N, C-alpha and C. Protein backbone atom coordinates (compact mmCIF):
# COMPACT_ATOMS: atom_id res chain seq x y z
N MET A 1 89.15 112.31 113.03
CA MET A 1 90.07 111.20 113.20
C MET A 1 91.46 111.54 112.71
N ILE A 2 91.60 112.38 111.70
CA ILE A 2 92.91 112.75 111.18
C ILE A 2 93.74 113.44 112.25
N ASP A 3 93.10 114.16 113.18
CA ASP A 3 93.84 114.88 114.21
C ASP A 3 94.65 113.96 115.11
N GLU A 4 94.26 112.72 115.27
CA GLU A 4 94.99 111.79 116.14
C GLU A 4 96.19 111.17 115.43
N ILE A 5 96.43 111.56 114.20
CA ILE A 5 97.52 111.00 113.40
C ILE A 5 98.66 112.01 113.32
N SER A 6 99.86 111.53 113.59
CA SER A 6 101.02 112.40 113.41
C SER A 6 101.86 111.84 112.27
N LEU A 7 102.52 112.74 111.57
CA LEU A 7 103.43 112.34 110.49
C LEU A 7 104.85 112.46 111.00
N CYS A 8 105.63 111.44 110.74
CA CYS A 8 107.02 111.46 111.17
C CYS A 8 107.89 110.86 110.08
N ASP A 9 109.19 111.01 110.26
CA ASP A 9 110.14 110.44 109.31
C ASP A 9 110.28 108.93 109.54
N TYR A 10 110.73 108.27 108.51
CA TYR A 10 110.98 106.83 108.55
C TYR A 10 112.01 106.48 109.61
N ARG A 11 111.79 105.35 110.25
CA ARG A 11 112.76 104.72 111.16
C ARG A 11 112.84 103.25 110.75
N PRO A 12 114.02 102.65 110.80
CA PRO A 12 114.13 101.24 110.44
C PRO A 12 113.17 100.34 111.23
N THR A 13 112.83 100.72 112.44
CA THR A 13 111.90 99.91 113.23
C THR A 13 110.49 99.90 112.64
N TYR A 14 110.20 100.80 111.70
CA TYR A 14 108.89 100.86 111.05
C TYR A 14 108.77 99.88 109.89
N LEU A 15 109.89 99.33 109.43
CA LEU A 15 109.90 98.55 108.19
C LEU A 15 108.90 97.41 108.19
N ASP A 16 108.85 96.60 109.22
CA ASP A 16 107.93 95.45 109.23
C ASP A 16 106.48 95.90 109.09
N ALA A 17 106.09 96.92 109.84
CA ALA A 17 104.71 97.41 109.77
C ALA A 17 104.41 98.02 108.41
N MET A 18 105.37 98.73 107.83
CA MET A 18 105.16 99.31 106.49
C MET A 18 105.00 98.20 105.46
N HIS A 19 105.81 97.16 105.57
CA HIS A 19 105.71 96.06 104.63
C HIS A 19 104.35 95.37 104.76
N ARG A 20 103.90 95.13 105.98
CA ARG A 20 102.57 94.51 106.18
C ARG A 20 101.47 95.38 105.59
N LEU A 21 101.57 96.68 105.79
CA LEU A 21 100.56 97.59 105.24
C LEU A 21 100.57 97.54 103.72
N ASP A 22 101.74 97.50 103.12
CA ASP A 22 101.83 97.41 101.66
C ASP A 22 101.18 96.12 101.16
N GLN A 23 101.37 95.03 101.89
CA GLN A 23 100.74 93.75 101.53
C GLN A 23 99.22 93.85 101.61
N ASP A 24 98.72 94.58 102.60
CA ASP A 24 97.28 94.77 102.76
C ASP A 24 96.68 95.69 101.70
N CYS A 25 97.46 96.68 101.27
CA CYS A 25 96.94 97.71 100.37
C CYS A 25 96.89 97.28 98.90
N PHE A 26 97.80 96.42 98.50
CA PHE A 26 97.93 96.13 97.08
C PHE A 26 97.84 94.64 96.79
N SER A 27 97.35 94.33 95.60
CA SER A 27 97.35 92.94 95.15
C SER A 27 98.78 92.54 94.78
N PRO A 28 99.06 91.25 94.69
CA PRO A 28 100.44 90.77 94.55
C PRO A 28 101.27 91.43 93.44
N GLU A 29 100.66 91.73 92.32
CA GLU A 29 101.47 92.29 91.22
C GLU A 29 101.96 93.71 91.48
N PHE A 30 101.43 94.38 92.53
CA PHE A 30 101.82 95.75 92.82
C PHE A 30 102.61 95.87 94.13
N ARG A 31 102.80 94.78 94.84
CA ARG A 31 103.45 94.82 96.15
C ARG A 31 104.97 94.83 96.03
N PHE A 32 105.60 95.40 97.08
CA PHE A 32 107.05 95.33 97.21
C PHE A 32 107.39 94.25 98.21
N ASP A 33 108.48 93.52 97.96
CA ASP A 33 108.93 92.61 99.01
C ASP A 33 109.65 93.45 100.07
N LYS A 34 109.88 92.86 101.22
CA LYS A 34 110.40 93.63 102.34
C LYS A 34 111.78 94.22 102.07
N GLU A 35 112.62 93.48 101.39
CA GLU A 35 113.97 94.00 101.11
C GLU A 35 113.91 95.22 100.19
N TRP A 36 113.06 95.17 99.15
CA TRP A 36 112.93 96.33 98.26
C TRP A 36 112.31 97.50 99.01
N MET A 37 111.36 97.24 99.89
CA MET A 37 110.76 98.31 100.69
C MET A 37 111.86 98.99 101.52
N ARG A 38 112.74 98.19 102.12
CA ARG A 38 113.84 98.75 102.91
C ARG A 38 114.77 99.58 102.02
N VAL A 39 115.13 99.05 100.87
CA VAL A 39 116.01 99.78 99.95
C VAL A 39 115.39 101.12 99.56
N PHE A 40 114.12 101.10 99.19
CA PHE A 40 113.45 102.35 98.79
C PHE A 40 113.38 103.34 99.95
N ALA A 41 113.03 102.87 101.14
CA ALA A 41 112.85 103.76 102.29
C ALA A 41 114.18 104.32 102.79
N GLU A 42 115.25 103.55 102.63
CA GLU A 42 116.54 103.97 103.18
C GLU A 42 117.46 104.58 102.14
N GLU A 43 116.95 104.79 100.94
CA GLU A 43 117.71 105.47 99.90
C GLU A 43 118.13 106.85 100.43
N PRO A 44 119.40 107.26 100.23
CA PRO A 44 119.84 108.54 100.78
C PRO A 44 119.00 109.75 100.33
N ASP A 45 118.48 109.71 99.12
CA ASP A 45 117.69 110.83 98.62
C ASP A 45 116.19 110.62 98.78
N ALA A 46 115.79 109.74 99.69
CA ALA A 46 114.36 109.46 99.89
C ALA A 46 113.74 110.46 100.87
N VAL A 47 112.49 110.78 100.59
CA VAL A 47 111.62 111.48 101.53
C VAL A 47 110.58 110.44 101.93
N VAL A 48 110.56 110.07 103.19
CA VAL A 48 109.62 109.06 103.66
C VAL A 48 108.86 109.64 104.85
N ARG A 49 107.54 109.70 104.71
CA ARG A 49 106.69 110.20 105.78
C ARG A 49 105.76 109.08 106.18
N VAL A 50 105.64 108.89 107.49
CA VAL A 50 104.89 107.78 108.04
C VAL A 50 103.79 108.35 108.93
N ALA A 51 102.56 107.87 108.73
CA ALA A 51 101.41 108.30 109.54
C ALA A 51 101.23 107.30 110.67
N VAL A 52 101.31 107.82 111.90
CA VAL A 52 101.24 106.98 113.09
C VAL A 52 100.11 107.50 113.99
N ILE A 53 99.27 106.59 114.46
CA ILE A 53 98.22 107.00 115.40
C ILE A 53 98.76 106.92 116.82
N THR A 54 97.99 107.45 117.76
CA THR A 54 98.48 107.61 119.14
C THR A 54 98.95 106.31 119.78
N ASN A 55 98.41 105.17 119.40
CA ASN A 55 98.86 103.90 119.99
C ASN A 55 100.11 103.35 119.32
N GLY A 56 100.67 104.08 118.35
CA GLY A 56 101.90 103.67 117.68
C GLY A 56 101.70 102.90 116.39
N GLU A 57 100.44 102.60 116.06
CA GLU A 57 100.16 101.85 114.83
C GLU A 57 100.40 102.73 113.61
N ILE A 58 101.04 102.13 112.59
CA ILE A 58 101.27 102.82 111.32
C ILE A 58 100.05 102.61 110.44
N VAL A 59 99.45 103.74 110.00
CA VAL A 59 98.23 103.66 109.20
C VAL A 59 98.42 104.21 107.79
N GLY A 60 99.64 104.64 107.48
CA GLY A 60 99.91 105.12 106.14
C GLY A 60 101.36 105.54 106.00
N PHE A 61 101.80 105.64 104.76
CA PHE A 61 103.15 106.16 104.50
C PHE A 61 103.29 106.49 103.03
N VAL A 62 104.27 107.32 102.76
CA VAL A 62 104.62 107.67 101.38
C VAL A 62 106.13 107.61 101.27
N ILE A 63 106.61 107.07 100.16
CA ILE A 63 108.04 107.05 99.85
C ILE A 63 108.23 107.80 98.55
N VAL A 64 109.08 108.82 98.58
CA VAL A 64 109.37 109.65 97.42
C VAL A 64 110.89 109.72 97.27
N HIS A 65 111.36 109.60 96.05
CA HIS A 65 112.80 109.75 95.79
C HIS A 65 113.04 111.07 95.05
N ILE A 66 114.08 111.76 95.47
CA ILE A 66 114.51 112.97 94.78
C ILE A 66 115.62 112.53 93.82
N GLU A 67 115.45 112.88 92.54
CA GLU A 67 116.38 112.41 91.51
C GLU A 67 116.82 113.57 90.64
N GLN A 68 118.06 113.51 90.19
CA GLN A 68 118.59 114.50 89.27
C GLN A 68 118.18 114.09 87.85
N ILE A 69 117.49 114.98 87.15
CA ILE A 69 117.11 114.77 85.76
C ILE A 69 117.70 115.93 84.97
N GLU A 70 118.72 115.63 84.21
CA GLU A 70 119.49 116.64 83.49
C GLU A 70 119.96 117.71 84.47
N THR A 71 119.47 118.94 84.37
CA THR A 71 119.94 120.01 85.25
C THR A 71 118.98 120.32 86.39
N GLU A 72 117.92 119.54 86.53
CA GLU A 72 116.92 119.83 87.57
C GLU A 72 116.66 118.61 88.44
N GLN A 73 116.03 118.86 89.57
CA GLN A 73 115.62 117.80 90.48
C GLN A 73 114.16 117.48 90.23
N ARG A 74 113.83 116.20 90.28
CA ARG A 74 112.44 115.80 90.26
C ARG A 74 112.20 114.89 91.46
N ALA A 75 110.96 114.81 91.86
CA ALA A 75 110.56 113.88 92.91
C ALA A 75 109.73 112.79 92.26
N TYR A 76 109.92 111.56 92.72
CA TYR A 76 109.18 110.44 92.17
C TYR A 76 108.52 109.68 93.31
N VAL A 77 107.19 109.51 93.21
CA VAL A 77 106.45 108.78 94.24
C VAL A 77 106.63 107.29 93.99
N VAL A 78 107.35 106.64 94.88
CA VAL A 78 107.57 105.20 94.79
C VAL A 78 106.29 104.47 95.19
N THR A 79 105.71 104.88 96.32
CA THR A 79 104.45 104.29 96.79
C THR A 79 103.78 105.20 97.79
N LEU A 80 102.48 105.10 97.84
CA LEU A 80 101.65 105.80 98.82
C LEU A 80 100.63 104.78 99.32
N ASP A 81 100.70 104.46 100.60
CA ASP A 81 99.87 103.41 101.19
C ASP A 81 99.06 103.99 102.35
N VAL A 82 97.78 103.67 102.40
CA VAL A 82 96.92 104.07 103.51
C VAL A 82 96.07 102.86 103.91
N ALA A 83 96.04 102.58 105.20
CA ALA A 83 95.24 101.46 105.71
C ALA A 83 93.78 101.67 105.35
N GLU A 84 93.09 100.58 105.06
CA GLU A 84 91.71 100.66 104.59
C GLU A 84 90.80 101.48 105.50
N GLY A 85 90.92 101.33 106.79
CA GLY A 85 90.07 102.06 107.72
C GLY A 85 90.33 103.55 107.78
N TYR A 86 91.40 104.01 107.13
CA TYR A 86 91.76 105.43 107.15
C TYR A 86 91.66 106.07 105.77
N ARG A 87 91.11 105.35 104.81
CA ARG A 87 90.95 105.90 103.47
C ARG A 87 89.74 106.82 103.41
N ARG A 88 89.77 107.72 102.44
CA ARG A 88 88.69 108.69 102.19
C ARG A 88 88.44 109.59 103.40
N ARG A 89 89.49 109.85 104.15
CA ARG A 89 89.42 110.75 105.31
C ARG A 89 90.46 111.85 105.22
N GLY A 90 91.12 111.93 104.08
CA GLY A 90 92.10 112.99 103.87
C GLY A 90 93.55 112.62 104.18
N LEU A 91 93.79 111.41 104.66
CA LEU A 91 95.15 111.04 105.03
C LEU A 91 96.08 110.94 103.82
N ALA A 92 95.63 110.34 102.74
CA ALA A 92 96.48 110.22 101.54
C ALA A 92 96.88 111.61 101.04
N GLY A 93 95.91 112.52 101.02
CA GLY A 93 96.20 113.89 100.59
C GLY A 93 97.19 114.58 101.52
N ARG A 94 97.03 114.34 102.81
CA ARG A 94 97.94 114.94 103.79
C ARG A 94 99.36 114.40 103.60
N LEU A 95 99.50 113.09 103.41
CA LEU A 95 100.81 112.51 103.16
C LEU A 95 101.43 113.05 101.88
N LEU A 96 100.63 113.13 100.82
CA LEU A 96 101.13 113.59 99.54
C LEU A 96 101.57 115.06 99.62
N ARG A 97 100.75 115.91 100.23
CA ARG A 97 101.10 117.33 100.36
C ARG A 97 102.38 117.50 101.18
N ASP A 98 102.50 116.75 102.26
CA ASP A 98 103.71 116.83 103.08
C ASP A 98 104.93 116.43 102.27
N ALA A 99 104.82 115.36 101.51
CA ALA A 99 105.93 114.91 100.67
C ALA A 99 106.26 115.95 99.60
N GLU A 100 105.24 116.57 99.01
CA GLU A 100 105.47 117.62 98.00
C GLU A 100 106.23 118.79 98.62
N GLU A 101 105.83 119.20 99.82
CA GLU A 101 106.50 120.32 100.49
C GLU A 101 107.96 119.99 100.78
N ARG A 102 108.21 118.80 101.24
CA ARG A 102 109.58 118.40 101.55
C ARG A 102 110.41 118.25 100.27
N ALA A 103 109.80 117.74 99.22
CA ALA A 103 110.50 117.63 97.94
C ALA A 103 110.84 119.01 97.39
N THR A 104 109.90 119.93 97.50
CA THR A 104 110.14 121.30 97.05
C THR A 104 111.29 121.92 97.83
N ALA A 105 111.30 121.72 99.15
CA ALA A 105 112.37 122.26 99.99
C ALA A 105 113.73 121.68 99.62
N ARG A 106 113.73 120.50 99.04
CA ARG A 106 114.99 119.87 98.62
C ARG A 106 115.33 120.16 97.16
N GLY A 107 114.54 121.05 96.53
CA GLY A 107 114.87 121.51 95.19
C GLY A 107 114.16 120.84 94.05
N ALA A 108 113.22 119.95 94.33
CA ALA A 108 112.49 119.29 93.24
C ALA A 108 111.57 120.28 92.55
N ARG A 109 111.57 120.25 91.24
CA ARG A 109 110.74 121.16 90.44
C ARG A 109 109.39 120.54 90.11
N TRP A 110 109.33 119.21 90.04
CA TRP A 110 108.08 118.52 89.76
C TRP A 110 108.08 117.16 90.44
N MET A 111 106.89 116.59 90.55
CA MET A 111 106.72 115.26 91.12
C MET A 111 106.05 114.40 90.08
N GLU A 112 106.53 113.16 89.93
CA GLU A 112 105.95 112.21 88.99
C GLU A 112 105.60 110.92 89.72
N LEU A 113 104.75 110.15 89.07
CA LEU A 113 104.37 108.85 89.62
C LEU A 113 103.77 108.01 88.51
N HIS A 114 103.68 106.72 88.78
CA HIS A 114 102.98 105.78 87.90
C HIS A 114 101.80 105.24 88.67
N VAL A 115 100.70 105.06 87.99
CA VAL A 115 99.52 104.46 88.61
C VAL A 115 98.93 103.45 87.62
N PHE A 116 98.54 102.30 88.13
CA PHE A 116 97.95 101.25 87.29
C PHE A 116 96.78 101.85 86.52
N SER A 117 96.75 101.61 85.24
CA SER A 117 95.73 102.21 84.36
C SER A 117 94.32 101.77 84.73
N GLY A 118 94.17 100.71 85.49
CA GLY A 118 92.85 100.26 85.90
C GLY A 118 92.45 100.69 87.31
N ASN A 119 93.27 101.47 87.98
CA ASN A 119 92.99 101.89 89.35
C ASN A 119 92.27 103.24 89.33
N GLU A 120 90.98 103.19 89.10
CA GLU A 120 90.19 104.42 88.93
C GLU A 120 90.19 105.30 90.17
N GLY A 121 90.17 104.70 91.35
CA GLY A 121 90.18 105.49 92.58
C GLY A 121 91.46 106.29 92.72
N ALA A 122 92.60 105.65 92.47
CA ALA A 122 93.89 106.34 92.56
C ALA A 122 94.00 107.41 91.48
N ILE A 123 93.52 107.11 90.29
CA ILE A 123 93.56 108.09 89.19
C ILE A 123 92.78 109.33 89.59
N ARG A 124 91.56 109.16 90.13
CA ARG A 124 90.76 110.31 90.57
C ARG A 124 91.48 111.09 91.67
N PHE A 125 92.06 110.36 92.63
CA PHE A 125 92.77 111.02 93.73
C PHE A 125 93.91 111.88 93.20
N TYR A 126 94.76 111.34 92.33
CA TYR A 126 95.90 112.11 91.84
C TYR A 126 95.45 113.28 90.97
N GLU A 127 94.42 113.10 90.18
CA GLU A 127 93.93 114.21 89.36
C GLU A 127 93.35 115.32 90.25
N ARG A 128 92.61 114.94 91.29
CA ARG A 128 92.10 115.95 92.25
C ARG A 128 93.23 116.65 92.98
N SER A 129 94.36 115.97 93.11
CA SER A 129 95.51 116.54 93.80
C SER A 129 96.39 117.38 92.89
N GLY A 130 95.95 117.61 91.66
CA GLY A 130 96.66 118.50 90.75
C GLY A 130 97.63 117.83 89.79
N TYR A 131 97.59 116.52 89.72
CA TYR A 131 98.48 115.79 88.81
C TYR A 131 97.80 115.63 87.45
N GLY A 132 98.58 115.79 86.40
CA GLY A 132 98.07 115.61 85.05
C GLY A 132 98.74 114.41 84.39
N ARG A 133 97.96 113.70 83.61
CA ARG A 133 98.48 112.52 82.91
C ARG A 133 99.38 112.98 81.77
N THR A 134 100.58 112.42 81.72
CA THR A 134 101.53 112.81 80.68
C THR A 134 101.86 111.68 79.72
N GLY A 135 101.40 110.48 80.02
CA GLY A 135 101.70 109.38 79.12
C GLY A 135 101.25 108.05 79.68
N VAL A 136 101.59 107.02 78.93
CA VAL A 136 101.30 105.63 79.32
C VAL A 136 102.60 104.86 79.25
N ARG A 137 102.83 104.05 80.22
CA ARG A 137 104.01 103.17 80.23
C ARG A 137 103.50 101.74 80.09
N ARG A 138 103.68 101.19 78.92
CA ARG A 138 103.21 99.84 78.63
C ARG A 138 104.00 98.80 79.42
N ARG A 139 103.29 97.80 79.93
CA ARG A 139 103.90 96.67 80.64
C ARG A 139 104.81 97.12 81.78
N PHE A 140 104.41 98.17 82.48
CA PHE A 140 105.22 98.75 83.56
C PHE A 140 105.34 97.81 84.76
N TYR A 141 104.26 97.10 85.07
CA TYR A 141 104.22 96.30 86.28
C TYR A 141 104.72 94.88 86.05
N GLY A 142 106.04 94.74 86.06
CA GLY A 142 106.74 93.47 86.09
C GLY A 142 106.15 92.32 85.32
N LYS A 143 106.07 91.19 86.01
CA LYS A 143 105.65 89.94 85.39
C LYS A 143 104.21 89.98 84.89
N SER A 144 103.38 90.79 85.53
CA SER A 144 101.97 90.86 85.12
C SER A 144 101.82 91.59 83.79
N GLY A 145 102.78 92.47 83.48
CA GLY A 145 102.73 93.19 82.22
C GLY A 145 101.63 94.23 82.13
N LEU A 146 101.13 94.69 83.27
CA LEU A 146 100.05 95.69 83.27
C LEU A 146 100.60 97.08 82.98
N ASP A 147 99.77 97.88 82.34
CA ASP A 147 100.15 99.24 81.96
C ASP A 147 99.96 100.22 83.11
N ALA A 148 100.73 101.31 83.05
CA ALA A 148 100.62 102.38 84.04
C ALA A 148 100.48 103.70 83.31
N PHE A 149 99.69 104.59 83.90
CA PHE A 149 99.66 105.97 83.45
C PHE A 149 100.77 106.71 84.19
N VAL A 150 101.37 107.66 83.50
CA VAL A 150 102.38 108.52 84.10
C VAL A 150 101.71 109.84 84.44
N TYR A 151 101.90 110.29 85.67
CA TYR A 151 101.32 111.56 86.12
C TYR A 151 102.42 112.49 86.59
N ARG A 152 102.18 113.79 86.43
CA ARG A 152 103.16 114.81 86.82
C ARG A 152 102.45 116.02 87.39
N LYS A 153 103.11 116.62 88.36
CA LYS A 153 102.65 117.89 88.94
C LYS A 153 103.87 118.77 89.14
N TYR A 154 103.79 120.01 88.65
CA TYR A 154 104.87 120.96 88.88
C TYR A 154 104.69 121.53 90.28
N LEU A 155 105.77 121.58 91.02
CA LEU A 155 105.72 122.03 92.40
C LEU A 155 105.98 123.53 92.46
N LYS A 156 105.34 124.17 93.41
CA LYS A 156 105.45 125.62 93.55
C LYS A 156 106.51 125.96 94.59
N PHE A 157 107.42 126.81 94.19
CA PHE A 157 108.44 127.28 95.11
C PHE A 157 107.93 128.52 95.81
N VAL A 158 108.19 128.59 97.10
CA VAL A 158 107.77 129.78 97.87
C VAL A 158 108.96 130.58 98.31
């Protein structure tokens, strides 16, 4: 099934479908509103990869920002969303690897992300993908005050 999925760059016409997918993927305390989704996706230093199936439906996406940290570049995963029917089929890994490659090509030395400390599935996924826990960010998730683990992976330059 993964073969019928192509990865492409963000287009503003994708915003509504991406926002709907984010609403489906996450409970309210972890969702982005549509305006913030647009801001994140259209950030000049963003790497946004969108998974589209042959009928044009968006079934996943990743938004990563490239940021200057002191004298080096880092990549930060803003969000990674995969439609329920496409989970556990390798799509999240494919999106993440593609984003890592593009971040590396743009000079990022490492990639970081936050994950809800109670999201065991996501924690396992990121650890299997080579990310190591570097800390805890207390009350990271807005009004809910939920904690997040901080994960990091050093990217390999070729």
